[in-house]
Amino acid sequence: MGVLAPDTTYEEFCDYTQLHRGTLPAAELDELWQWRQKLLTLRVTTGRGYRKTLPPDEQHLSREERGRKTEENALAQGRSIERLPDKAYF
């Protein structure tokens, strides 16, 4: 129900839902309302805030691509890179 404002009341939600889906039993309206309340609490994290701290030429790169770029720069500077074992316990 993306067209309803987040602060919509239960009664407004019921009116809107029944306008578009027809008459529904109270139990189904309650379930839909609970589902809507759950969906309103979802937060999607895209990492946009973190990416803004990166240099402009790296903001569009994935984590893997940034790692490859760092590795390539290190090799170009003559550094040797030793990989750690998959499960390194120290």
PDB file of N, CA and C in Angstrom:
ATOM      1  N   MET A   1       0.837  -1.187   0.000  1.00  0.00           N
ATOM      2  CA  MET A   1       0.000   0.000   0.000  1.00  0.00           C
ATOM      3  C   MET A   1       0.879   1.247   0.000  1.00  0.00           C
ATOM      4  N   GLY A   2       1.663   1.404  -1.007  1.00  0.00           N
ATOM      5  CA  GLY A   2       2.598   2.500  -1.075  1.00  0.00           C
ATOM      6  C   GLY A   2       1.958   3.860  -1.278  1.00  0.00           C
ATOM      7  N   VAL A   3       0.696   3.912  -1.661  1.00  0.00           N
ATOM      8  CA  VAL A   3       0.069   5.210  -1.912  1.00  0.00           C
ATOM      9  C   VAL A   3      -0.506   5.823  -0.654  1.00  0.00           C
ATOM     10  N   LEU A   4      -0.587   5.083   0.419  1.00  0.00           N
ATOM     11  CA  LEU A   4      -1.080   5.625   1.679  1.00  0.00           C
ATOM     12  C   LEU A   4       0.081   6.205   2.477  1.00  0.00           C
ATOM     13  N   ALA A   5      -0.155   7.315   3.128  1.00  0.00           N
ATOM     14  CA  ALA A   5       0.878   7.937   3.952  1.00  0.00           C
ATOM     15  C   ALA A   5       1.217   7.025   5.132  1.00  0.00           C
ATOM     16  N   PRO A   6       2.442   7.086   5.634  1.00  0.00           N
ATOM     17  CA  PRO A   6       2.824   6.236   6.759  1.00  0.00           C
ATOM     18  C   PRO A   6       1.982   6.468   8.016  1.00  0.00           C
ATOM     19  N   ASP A   7       1.442   7.649   8.182  1.00  0.00           N
ATOM     20  CA  ASP A   7       0.653   7.947   9.383  1.00  0.00           C
ATOM     21  C   ASP A   7      -0.843   7.717   9.187  1.00  0.00           C
ATOM     22  N   THR A   8      -1.205   6.939   8.169  1.00  0.00           N
ATOM     23  CA  THR A   8      -2.606   6.619   7.903  1.00  0.00           C
ATOM     24  C   THR A   8      -3.194   5.827   9.073  1.00  0.00           C
ATOM     25  N   THR A   9      -4.423   6.146   9.433  1.00  0.00           N
ATOM     26  CA  THR A   9      -5.081   5.433  10.527  1.00  0.00           C
ATOM     27  C   THR A   9      -5.626   4.092  10.032  1.00  0.00           C
ATOM     28  N   TYR A  10      -5.975   3.241  10.969  1.00  0.00           N
ATOM     29  CA  TYR A  10      -6.528   1.927  10.634  1.00  0.00           C
ATOM     30  C   TYR A  10      -7.827   2.077   9.840  1.00  0.00           C
ATOM     31  N   GLU A  11      -8.663   3.021  10.238  1.00  0.00           N
ATOM     32  CA  GLU A  11      -9.942   3.222   9.544  1.00  0.00           C
ATOM     33  C   GLU A  11      -9.717   3.684   8.102  1.00  0.00           C
ATOM     34  N   GLU A  12      -8.776   4.605   7.900  1.00  0.00           N
ATOM     35  CA  GLU A  12      -8.473   5.060   6.538  1.00  0.00           C
ATOM     36  C   GLU A  12      -7.916   3.914   5.699  1.00  0.00           C
ATOM     37  N   PHE A  13      -7.087   3.097   6.311  1.00  0.00           N
ATOM     38  CA  PHE A  13      -6.528   1.938   5.628  1.00  0.00           C
ATOM     39  C   PHE A  13      -7.642   0.981   5.205  1.00  0.00           C
ATOM     40  N   CYS A  14      -8.567   0.707   6.122  1.00  0.00           N
ATOM     41  CA  CYS A  14      -9.683  -0.197   5.809  1.00  0.00           C
ATOM     42  C   CYS A  14     -10.540   0.357   4.672  1.00  0.00           C
ATOM     43  N   ASP A  15     -10.838   1.644   4.729  1.00  0.00           N
ATOM     44  CA  ASP A  15     -11.635   2.265   3.665  1.00  0.00           C
ATOM     45  C   ASP A  15     -10.931   2.148   2.313  1.00  0.00           C
ATOM     46  N   TYR A  16      -9.647   2.461   2.290  1.00  0.00           N
ATOM     47  CA  TYR A  16      -8.883   2.396   1.047  1.00  0.00           C
ATOM     48  C   TYR A  16      -8.833   0.968   0.506  1.00  0.00           C
ATOM     49  N   THR A  17      -8.552   0.011   1.384  1.00  0.00           N
ATOM     50  CA  THR A  17      -8.436  -1.384   0.975  1.00  0.00           C
ATOM     51  C   THR A  17      -9.755  -1.909   0.427  1.00  0.00           C
ATOM     52  N   GLN A  18     -10.841  -1.605   1.112  1.00  0.00           N
ATOM     53  CA  GLN A  18     -12.139  -2.104   0.651  1.00  0.00           C
ATOM     54  C   GLN A  18     -12.604  -1.381  -0.603  1.00  0.00           C
ATOM     55  N   LEU A  19     -12.157  -0.165  -0.808  1.00  0.00           N
ATOM     56  CA  LEU A  19     -12.480   0.554  -2.040  1.00  0.00           C
ATOM     57  C   LEU A  19     -11.871  -0.168  -3.234  1.00  0.00           C
ATOM     58  N   HIS A  20     -10.644  -0.670  -3.066  1.00  0.00           N
ATOM     59  CA  HIS A  20      -9.932  -1.291  -4.178  1.00  0.00           C
ATOM     60  C   HIS A  20     -10.096  -2.797  -4.262  1.00  0.00           C
ATOM     61  N   ARG A  21     -10.386  -3.462  -3.144  1.00  0.00           N
ATOM     62  CA  ARG A  21     -10.475  -4.922  -3.156  1.00  0.00           C
ATOM     63  C   ARG A  21     -11.863  -5.448  -2.834  1.00  0.00           C
ATOM     64  N   GLY A  22     -12.779  -4.572  -2.557  1.00  0.00           N
ATOM     65  CA  GLY A  22     -14.117  -5.013  -2.208  1.00  0.00           C
ATOM     66  C   GLY A  22     -14.227  -5.300  -0.726  1.00  0.00           C
ATOM     67  N   THR A  23     -15.373  -5.772  -0.305  1.00  0.00           N
ATOM     68  CA  THR A  23     -15.603  -6.052   1.104  1.00  0.00           C
ATOM     69  C   THR A  23     -14.764  -7.237   1.553  1.00  0.00           C
ATOM     70  N   LEU A  24     -14.066  -7.044   2.674  1.00  0.00           N
ATOM     71  CA  LEU A  24     -13.198  -8.084   3.212  1.00  0.00           C
ATOM     72  C   LEU A  24     -13.582  -8.360   4.666  1.00  0.00           C
ATOM     73  N   PRO A  25     -13.363  -9.580   5.125  1.00  0.00           N
ATOM     74  CA  PRO A  25     -13.639  -9.886   6.527  1.00  0.00           C
ATOM     75  C   PRO A  25     -12.675  -9.117   7.445  1.00  0.00           C
ATOM     76  N   ALA A  26     -13.111  -8.881   8.668  1.00  0.00           N
ATOM     77  CA  ALA A  26     -12.321  -8.119   9.627  1.00  0.00           C
ATOM     78  C   ALA A  26     -10.967  -8.790   9.906  1.00  0.00           C
ATOM     79  N   ALA A  27     -10.951 -10.114   9.945  1.00  0.00           N
ATOM     80  CA  ALA A  27      -9.697 -10.833  10.210  1.00  0.00           C
ATOM     81  C   ALA A  27      -8.669 -10.571   9.113  1.00  0.00           C
ATOM     82  N   GLU A  28      -9.119 -10.557   7.866  1.00  0.00           N
ATOM     83  CA  GLU A  28      -8.196 -10.309   6.758  1.00  0.00           C
ATOM     84  C   GLU A  28      -7.702  -8.866   6.780  1.00  0.00           C
ATOM     85  N   LEU A  29      -8.599  -7.928   7.109  1.00  0.00           N
ATOM     86  CA  LEU A  29      -8.170  -6.533   7.234  1.00  0.00           C
ATOM     87  C   LEU A  29      -7.129  -6.373   8.338  1.00  0.00           C
ATOM     88  N   ASP A  30      -7.328  -7.085   9.443  1.00  0.00           N
ATOM     89  CA  ASP A  30      -6.353  -7.033  10.537  1.00  0.00           C
ATOM     90  C   ASP A  30      -4.994  -7.576  10.089  1.00  0.00           C
ATOM     91  N   GLU A  31      -5.005  -8.684   9.352  1.00  0.00           N
ATOM     92  CA  GLU A  31      -3.763  -9.259   8.858  1.00  0.00           C
ATOM     93  C   GLU A  31      -3.057  -8.303   7.896  1.00  0.00           C
ATOM     94  N   LEU A  32      -3.826  -7.700   6.997  1.00  0.00           N
ATOM     95  CA  LEU A  32      -3.243  -6.745   6.060  1.00  0.00           C
ATOM     96  C   LEU A  32      -2.666  -5.535   6.790  1.00  0.00           C
ATOM     97  N   TRP A  33      -3.371  -5.068   7.819  1.00  0.00           N
ATOM     98  CA  TRP A  33      -2.889  -3.933   8.607  1.00  0.00           C
ATOM     99  C   TRP A  33      -1.580  -4.299   9.316  1.00  0.00           C
ATOM    100  N   GLN A  34      -1.512  -5.482   9.905  1.00  0.00           N
ATOM    101  CA  GLN A  34      -0.288  -5.902  10.581  1.00  0.00           C
ATOM    102  C   GLN A  34       0.869  -6.035   9.595  1.00  0.00           C
ATOM    103  N   TRP A  35       0.578  -6.548   8.414  1.00  0.00           N
ATOM    104  CA  TRP A  35       1.604  -6.678   7.381  1.00  0.00           C
ATOM    105  C   TRP A  35       2.102  -5.298   6.953  1.00  0.00           C
ATOM    106  N   ARG A  36       1.190  -4.350   6.802  1.00  0.00           N
ATOM    107  CA  ARG A  36       1.555  -2.984   6.431  1.00  0.00           C
ATOM    108  C   ARG A  36       2.431  -2.354   7.506  1.00  0.00           C
ATOM    109  N   GLN A  37       2.075  -2.555   8.770  1.00  0.00           N
ATOM    110  CA  GLN A  37       2.859  -1.990   9.864  1.00  0.00           C
ATOM    111  C   GLN A  37       4.274  -2.580   9.867  1.00  0.00           C
ATOM    112  N   LYS A  38       4.375  -3.867   9.560  1.00  0.00           N
ATOM    113  CA  LYS A  38       5.672  -4.522   9.509  1.00  0.00           C
ATOM    114  C   LYS A  38       6.513  -3.961   8.357  1.00  0.00           C
ATOM    115  N   LEU A  39       5.871  -3.773   7.206  1.00  0.00           N
ATOM    116  CA  LEU A  39       6.586  -3.250   6.048  1.00  0.00           C
ATOM    117  C   LEU A  39       7.062  -1.819   6.269  1.00  0.00           C
ATOM    118  N   LEU A  40       6.306  -1.041   7.022  1.00  0.00           N
ATOM    119  CA  LEU A  40       6.696   0.345   7.275  1.00  0.00           C
ATOM    120  C   LEU A  40       7.954   0.448   8.136  1.00  0.00           C
ATOM    121  N   THR A  41       8.288  -0.613   8.862  1.00  0.00           N
ATOM    122  CA  THR A  41       9.470  -0.572   9.716  1.00  0.00           C
ATOM    123  C   THR A  41      10.728  -1.058   9.005  1.00  0.00           C
ATOM    124  N   LEU A  42      10.605  -1.531   7.765  1.00  0.00           N
ATOM    125  CA  LEU A  42      11.777  -2.002   7.030  1.00  0.00           C
ATOM    126  C   LEU A  42      12.697  -0.841   6.696  1.00  0.00           C
ATOM    127  N   ARG A  43      13.982  -1.106   6.764  1.00  0.00           N
ATOM    128  CA  ARG A  43      14.968  -0.101   6.386  1.00  0.00           C
ATOM    129  C   ARG A  43      15.944  -0.760   5.426  1.00  0.00           C
ATOM    130  N   VAL A  44      16.173  -0.129   4.311  1.00  0.00           N
ATOM    131  CA  VAL A  44      17.094  -0.655   3.313  1.00  0.00           C
ATOM    132  C   VAL A  44      18.392   0.135   3.394  1.00  0.00           C
ATOM    133  N   THR A  45      19.476  -0.565   3.628  1.00  0.00           N
ATOM    134  CA  THR A  45      20.774   0.080   3.719  1.00  0.00           C
ATOM    135  C   THR A  45      21.538  -0.183   2.431  1.00  0.00           C
ATOM    136  N   THR A  46      21.865   0.879   1.732  1.00  0.00           N
ATOM    137  CA  THR A  46      22.575   0.746   0.465  1.00  0.00           C
ATOM    138  C   THR A  46      24.054   1.060   0.589  1.00  0.00           C
ATOM    139  N   GLY A  47      24.480   1.584   1.735  1.00  0.00           N
ATOM    140  CA  GLY A  47      25.880   1.940   1.907  1.00  0.00           C
ATOM    141  C   GLY A  47      26.231   3.269   1.266  1.00  0.00           C
ATOM    142  N   ARG A  48      25.233   4.027   0.871  1.00  0.00           N
ATOM    143  CA  ARG A  48      25.481   5.290   0.191  1.00  0.00           C
ATOM    144  C   ARG A  48      26.284   6.246   1.075  1.00  0.00           C
ATOM    145  N   GLY A  49      25.974   6.278   2.363  1.00  0.00           N
ATOM    146  CA  GLY A  49      26.698   7.167   3.272  1.00  0.00           C
ATOM    147  C   GLY A  49      28.164   6.800   3.373  1.00  0.00           C
ATOM    148  N   TYR A  50      28.437   5.514   3.449  1.00  0.00           N
ATOM    149  CA  TYR A  50      29.828   5.051   3.504  1.00  0.00           C
ATOM    150  C   TYR A  50      30.543   5.357   2.199  1.00  0.00           C
ATOM    151  N   ARG A  51      29.882   5.125   1.077  1.00  0.00           N
ATOM    152  CA  ARG A  51      30.526   5.343  -0.216  1.00  0.00           C
ATOM    153  C   ARG A  51      30.902   6.799  -0.429  1.00  0.00           C
ATOM    154  N   LYS A  52      30.182   7.725   0.197  1.00  0.00           N
ATOM    155  CA  LYS A  52      30.515   9.139   0.044  1.00  0.00           C
ATOM    156  C   LYS A  52      31.850   9.478   0.688  1.00  0.00           C
ATOM    157  N   THR A  53      32.325   8.635   1.618  1.00  0.00           N
ATOM    158  CA  THR A  53      33.612   8.874   2.256  1.00  0.00           C
ATOM    159  C   THR A  53      34.773   8.396   1.397  1.00  0.00           C
ATOM    160  N   LEU A  54      34.487   7.623   0.356  1.00  0.00           N
ATOM    161  CA  LEU A  54      35.531   7.107  -0.529  1.00  0.00           C
ATOM    162  C   LEU A  54      35.928   8.176  -1.549  1.00  0.00           C
ATOM    163  N   PRO A  55      37.103   8.023  -2.154  1.00  0.00           N
ATOM    164  CA  PRO A  55      37.484   8.947  -3.229  1.00  0.00           C
ATOM    165  C   PRO A  55      36.466   8.876  -4.370  1.00  0.00           C
ATOM    166  N   PRO A  56      36.267   9.972  -5.096  1.00  0.00           N
ATOM    167  CA  PRO A  56      35.246   9.994  -6.161  1.00  0.00           C
ATOM    168  C   PRO A  56      35.385   8.883  -7.196  1.00  0.00           C
ATOM    169  N   ASP A  57      36.615   8.481  -7.515  1.00  0.00           N
ATOM    170  CA  ASP A  57      36.785   7.436  -8.529  1.00  0.00           C
ATOM    171  C   ASP A  57      36.473   6.034  -8.010  1.00  0.00           C
ATOM    172  N   GLU A  58      36.252   5.891  -6.698  1.00  0.00           N
ATOM    173  CA  GLU A  58      35.934   4.573  -6.131  1.00  0.00           C
ATOM    174  C   GLU A  58      34.495   4.478  -5.633  1.00  0.00           C
ATOM    175  N   GLN A  59      33.737   5.547  -5.677  1.00  0.00           N
ATOM    176  CA  GLN A  59      32.381   5.544  -5.110  1.00  0.00           C
ATOM    177  C   GLN A  59      31.442   4.607  -5.841  1.00  0.00           C
ATOM    178  N   HIS A  60      31.665   4.378  -7.112  1.00  0.00           N
ATOM    179  CA  HIS A  60      30.770   3.517  -7.896  1.00  0.00           C
ATOM    180  C   HIS A  60      31.203   2.060  -7.886  1.00  0.00           C
ATOM    181  N   LEU A  61      32.368   1.746  -7.296  1.00  0.00           N
ATOM    182  CA  LEU A  61      32.893   0.389  -7.319  1.00  0.00           C
ATOM    183  C   LEU A  61      32.317  -0.457  -6.190  1.00  0.00           C
ATOM    184  N   SER A  62      32.190  -1.745  -6.441  1.00  0.00           N
ATOM    185  CA  SER A  62      31.770  -2.674  -5.385  1.00  0.00           C
ATOM    186  C   SER A  62      32.959  -2.931  -4.459  1.00  0.00           C
ATOM    187  N   ARG A  63      32.716  -3.583  -3.344  1.00  0.00           N
ATOM    188  CA  ARG A  63      33.782  -3.891  -2.398  1.00  0.00           C
ATOM    189  C   ARG A  63      34.854  -4.760  -3.060  1.00  0.00           C
ATOM    190  N   GLU A  64      34.413  -5.714  -3.836  1.00  0.00           N
ATOM    191  CA  GLU A  64      35.343  -6.603  -4.526  1.00  0.00           C
ATOM    192  C   GLU A  64      36.191  -5.833  -5.538  1.00  0.00           C
ATOM    193  N   GLU A  65      35.559  -4.930  -6.282  1.00  0.00           N
ATOM    194  CA  GLU A  65      36.292  -4.135  -7.266  1.00  0.00           C
ATOM    195  C   GLU A  65      37.297  -3.204  -6.594  1.00  0.00           C
ATOM    196  N   ARG A  66      36.917  -2.635  -5.445  1.00  0.00           N
ATOM    197  CA  ARG A  66      37.862  -1.777  -4.717  1.00  0.00           C
ATOM    198  C   ARG A  66      39.056  -2.595  -4.221  1.00  0.00           C
ATOM    199  N   GLY A  67      38.799  -3.832  -3.783  1.00  0.00           N
ATOM    200  CA  GLY A  67      39.884  -4.707  -3.346  1.00  0.00           C
ATOM    201  C   GLY A  67      40.843  -5.029  -4.479  1.00  0.00           C
ATOM    202  N   ARG A  68      40.286  -5.329  -5.644  1.00  0.00           N
ATOM    203  CA  ARG A  68      41.126  -5.609  -6.808  1.00  0.00           C
ATOM    204  C   ARG A  68      41.970  -4.400  -7.196  1.00  0.00           C
ATOM    205  N   LYS A  69      41.356  -3.220  -7.126  1.00  0.00           N
ATOM    206  CA  LYS A  69      42.073  -1.992  -7.470  1.00  0.00           C
ATOM    207  C   LYS A  69      43.224  -1.761  -6.492  1.00  0.00           C
ATOM    208  N   THR A  70      42.986  -1.972  -5.211  1.00  0.00           N
ATOM    209  CA  THR A  70      44.028  -1.814  -4.200  1.00  0.00           C
ATOM    210  C   THR A  70      45.158  -2.805  -4.443  1.00  0.00           C
ATOM    211  N   GLU A  71      44.787  -4.034  -4.783  1.00  0.00           N
ATOM    212  CA  GLU A  71      45.787  -5.063  -5.062  1.00  0.00           C
ATOM    213  C   GLU A  71      46.616  -4.700  -6.280  1.00  0.00           C
ATOM    214  N   GLU A  72      45.963  -4.222  -7.334  1.00  0.00           N
ATOM    215  CA  GLU A  72      46.678  -3.825  -8.549  1.00  0.00           C
ATOM    216  C   GLU A  72      47.631  -2.668  -8.266  1.00  0.00           C
ATOM    217  N   ASN A  73      47.194  -1.705  -7.465  1.00  0.00           N
ATOM    218  CA  ASN A  73      48.059  -0.573  -7.122  1.00  0.00           C
ATOM    219  C   ASN A  73      49.274  -1.041  -6.325  1.00  0.00           C
ATOM    220  N   ALA A  74      49.058  -1.975  -5.402  1.00  0.00           N
ATOM    221  CA  ALA A  74      50.169  -2.493  -4.602  1.00  0.00           C
ATOM    222  C   ALA A  74      51.171  -3.234  -5.482  1.00  0.00           C
ATOM    223  N   LEU A  75      50.672  -4.055  -6.402  1.00  0.00           N
ATOM    224  CA  LEU A  75      51.561  -4.786  -7.303  1.00  0.00           C
ATOM    225  C   LEU A  75      52.320  -3.823  -8.212  1.00  0.00           C
ATOM    226  N   ALA A  76      51.661  -2.759  -8.659  1.00  0.00           N
ATOM    227  CA  ALA A  76      52.308  -1.770  -9.516  1.00  0.00           C
ATOM    228  C   ALA A  76      53.425  -1.044  -8.771  1.00  0.00           C
ATOM    229  N   GLN A  77      53.310  -0.937  -7.450  1.00  0.00           N
ATOM    230  CA  GLN A  77      54.340  -0.282  -6.645  1.00  0.00           C
ATOM    231  C   GLN A  77      55.443  -1.248  -6.226  1.00  0.00           C
ATOM    232  N   GLY A  78      55.336  -2.512  -6.635  1.00  0.00           N
ATOM    233  CA  GLY A  78      56.368  -3.490  -6.349  1.00  0.00           C
ATOM    234  C   GLY A  78      56.185  -4.218  -5.031  1.00  0.00           C
ATOM    235  N   ARG A  79      55.059  -4.088  -4.401  1.00  0.00           N
ATOM    236  CA  ARG A  79      54.816  -4.806  -3.143  1.00  0.00           C
ATOM    237  C   ARG A  79      54.388  -6.234  -3.449  1.00  0.00           C
ATOM    238  N   SER A  80      54.725  -7.135  -2.536  1.00  0.00           N
ATOM    239  CA  SER A  80      54.269  -8.517  -2.698  1.00  0.00           C
ATOM    240  C   SER A  80      53.041  -8.724  -1.817  1.00  0.00           C
ATOM    241  N   ILE A  81      52.127  -9.517  -2.304  1.00  0.00           N
ATOM    242  CA  ILE A  81      50.878  -9.750  -1.589  1.00  0.00           C
ATOM    243  C   ILE A  81      50.789 -11.230  -1.245  1.00  0.00           C
ATOM    244  N   GLU A  82      50.632 -11.499   0.041  1.00  0.00           N
ATOM    245  CA  GLU A  82      50.456 -12.883   0.487  1.00  0.00           C
ATOM    246  C   GLU A  82      49.033 -13.038   1.006  1.00  0.00           C
ATOM    247  N   ARG A  83      48.355 -13.997   0.488  1.00  0.00           N
ATOM    248  CA  ARG A  83      46.970 -14.240   0.904  1.00  0.00           C
ATOM    249  C   ARG A  83      46.944 -15.010   2.200  1.00  0.00           C
ATOM    250  N   LEU A  84      45.971 -14.680   3.051  1.00  0.00           N
ATOM    251  CA  LEU A  84      45.764 -15.417   4.279  1.00  0.00           C
ATOM    252  C   LEU A  84      44.938 -16.655   3.977  1.00  0.00           C
ATOM    253  N   PRO A  85      45.092 -17.711   4.788  1.00  0.00           N
ATOM    254  CA  PRO A  85      44.235 -18.888   4.601  1.00  0.00           C
ATOM    255  C   PRO A  85      42.769 -18.489   4.829  1.00  0.00           C
ATOM    256  N   ASP A  86      41.866 -19.253   4.236  1.00  0.00           N
ATOM    257  CA  ASP A  86      40.447 -18.944   4.354  1.00  0.00           C
ATOM    258  C   ASP A  86      40.010 -18.825   5.804  1.00  0.00           C
ATOM    259  N   LYS A  87      40.443 -19.756   6.634  1.00  0.00           N
ATOM    260  CA  LYS A  87      40.065 -19.731   8.047  1.00  0.00           C
ATOM    261  C   LYS A  87      41.331 -19.577   8.878  1.00  0.00           C
ATOM    262  N   ALA A  88      41.741 -18.352   9.026  1.00  0.00           N
ATOM    263  CA  ALA A  88      42.954 -18.090   9.811  1.00  0.00           C
ATOM    264  C   ALA A  88      42.544 -17.828  11.250  1.00  0.00           C
ATOM    265  N   TYR A  89      43.063 -18.640  12.162  1.00  0.00           N
ATOM    266  CA  TYR A  89      42.789 -18.463  13.581  1.00  0.00           C
ATOM    267  C   TYR A  89      44.072 -17.984  14.250  1.00  0.00           C
ATOM    268  N   PHE A  90      43.995 -16.858  14.885  1.00  0.00           N
ATOM    269  CA  PHE A  90      45.193 -16.306  15.533  1.00  0.00           C
ATOM    270  C   PHE A  90      45.075 -16.392  17.011  1.00  0.00           C
TER     271      PHE A  90
END
